[in-house]
C-alpha atoms as a PDB file:
ATOM      1  CA  MET A   1     -41.650   3.985 -12.018  1.00  0.00           C
ATOM      2  CA  THR A   2     -38.648   3.146 -14.194  1.00  0.00           C
ATOM      3  CA  LEU A   3     -35.893   0.658 -13.337  1.00  0.00           C
ATOM      4  CA  THR A   4     -32.582   0.580 -15.153  1.00  0.00           C
ATOM      5  CA  PHE A   5     -29.976  -2.139 -14.650  1.00  0.00           C
ATOM      6  CA  ARG A   6     -26.463  -1.556 -15.832  1.00  0.00           C
ATOM      7  CA  ILE A   7     -23.212  -3.546 -15.764  1.00  0.00           C
ATOM      8  CA  GLU A   8     -19.921  -1.927 -16.659  1.00  0.00           C
ATOM      9  CA  TYR A   9     -16.423  -3.334 -17.064  1.00  0.00           C
ATOM     10  CA  VAL A  10     -13.672  -0.762 -16.532  1.00  0.00           C
ATOM     11  CA  HIS A  11      -9.947  -1.174 -17.214  1.00  0.00           C
ATOM     12  CA  ARG A  12      -7.649   1.647 -16.197  1.00  0.00           C
ATOM     13  CA  GLN A  13      -3.888   1.813 -16.650  1.00  0.00           C
ATOM     14  CA  ALA A  14      -1.133   4.280 -15.777  1.00  0.00           C
ATOM     15  CA  SER A  15       2.599   4.436 -16.523  1.00  0.00           C
ATOM     16  CA  VAL A  16       3.376   4.767 -12.790  1.00  0.00           C
ATOM     17  CA  CYS A  17       1.923   2.974  -9.750  1.00  0.00           C
ATOM     18  CA  TYR A  18      -1.284   4.936  -9.126  1.00  0.00           C
ATOM     19  CA  PHE A  19      -4.213   2.625  -8.220  1.00  0.00           C
ATOM     20  CA  ALA A  20      -4.839   0.901  -4.877  1.00  0.00           C
ATOM     21  CA  GLY A  21      -3.724  -2.727  -4.870  1.00  0.00           C
ATOM     22  CA  ALA A  22      -5.064  -5.660  -2.859  1.00  0.00           C
ATOM     23  CA  GLY A  23      -3.014  -4.626   0.211  1.00  0.00           C
ATOM     24  CA  GLY A  24      -4.694  -1.219   0.370  1.00  0.00           C
ATOM     25  CA  VAL A  25      -3.289   2.246   0.964  1.00  0.00           C
ATOM     26  CA  THR A  26      -4.089   2.728   4.667  1.00  0.00           C
ATOM     27  CA  SER A  27      -1.600   1.640   7.336  1.00  0.00           C
ATOM     28  CA  GLN A  28      -2.393  -0.301  10.494  1.00  0.00           C
ATOM     29  CA  THR A  29      -2.885   3.012  12.341  1.00  0.00           C
ATOM     30  CA  ASP A  30      -5.406   4.313   9.742  1.00  0.00           C
ATOM     31  CA  TYR A  31      -3.035   6.920   8.309  1.00  0.00           C
ATOM     32  CA  THR A  32      -1.194   6.899   4.993  1.00  0.00           C
ATOM     33  CA  THR A  33       2.089   7.269   6.893  1.00  0.00           C
ATOM     34  CA  SER A  34       2.885   5.782  10.279  1.00  0.00           C
ATOM     35  CA  VAL A  35       5.643   6.409  12.819  1.00  0.00           C
ATOM     36  CA  LEU A  36       4.888   3.029  14.439  1.00  0.00           C
ATOM     37  CA  TYR A  37       5.446   1.117  11.180  1.00  0.00           C
ATOM     38  CA  PRO A  38       8.189   3.023   9.299  1.00  0.00           C
ATOM     39  CA  SER A  39       8.749   0.209   6.768  1.00  0.00           C
ATOM     40  CA  TRP A  40       5.070   0.140   5.708  1.00  0.00           C
ATOM     41  CA  ARG A  41       4.295   1.351   2.182  1.00  0.00           C
ATOM     42  CA  PRO A  42       0.932   1.603   0.390  1.00  0.00           C
ATOM     43  CA  ASP A  43       0.194  -1.174  -2.103  1.00  0.00           C
ATOM     44  CA  LEU A  44      -0.041   0.674  -5.422  1.00  0.00           C
ATOM     45  CA  VAL A  45      -0.377  -0.950  -8.853  1.00  0.00           C
ATOM     46  CA  LYS A  46      -0.194   0.267 -12.462  1.00  0.00           C
ATOM     47  CA  SER A  47      -3.532  -1.148 -13.672  1.00  0.00           C
ATOM     48  CA  GLU A  48      -6.990  -1.820 -12.315  1.00  0.00           C
ATOM     49  CA  ASN A  49      -9.985  -3.849 -13.517  1.00  0.00           C
ATOM     50  CA  ARG A  50     -13.474  -3.380 -12.105  1.00  0.00           C
ATOM     51  CA  ILE A  51     -16.950  -4.742 -12.705  1.00  0.00           C
ATOM     52  CA  ILE A  52     -19.602  -2.226 -11.643  1.00  0.00           C
ATOM     53  CA  PHE A  53     -23.249  -3.167 -11.068  1.00  0.00           C
ATOM     54  CA  VAL A  54     -25.747  -0.304 -11.007  1.00  0.00           C
ATOM     55  CA  LEU A  55     -29.469  -0.178 -10.278  1.00  0.00           C
ATOM     56  CA  LEU A  56     -31.174   3.132 -11.058  1.00  0.00           C
ATOM     57  CA  PHE A  57     -34.803   3.844 -10.327  1.00  0.00           C
ATOM     58  CA  ARG A  58     -36.991   6.843 -10.950  1.00  0.00           C
ATOM     59  CA  LEU A  59     -40.294   7.409  -9.245  1.00  0.00           C
END
């Protein structure tokens, strides 16, 4: 059995708002657009940073 641990840091950037921000992209009614909340807009940002932890195992 083999175990592999991996940690990755990822930075992504775009010239337009493309990535999901802290406020998310789903409205209160679970749709991306909502008739009940017409002023709601998805929280999109131009850059994103992530730390990814991975555990791989092979039997």
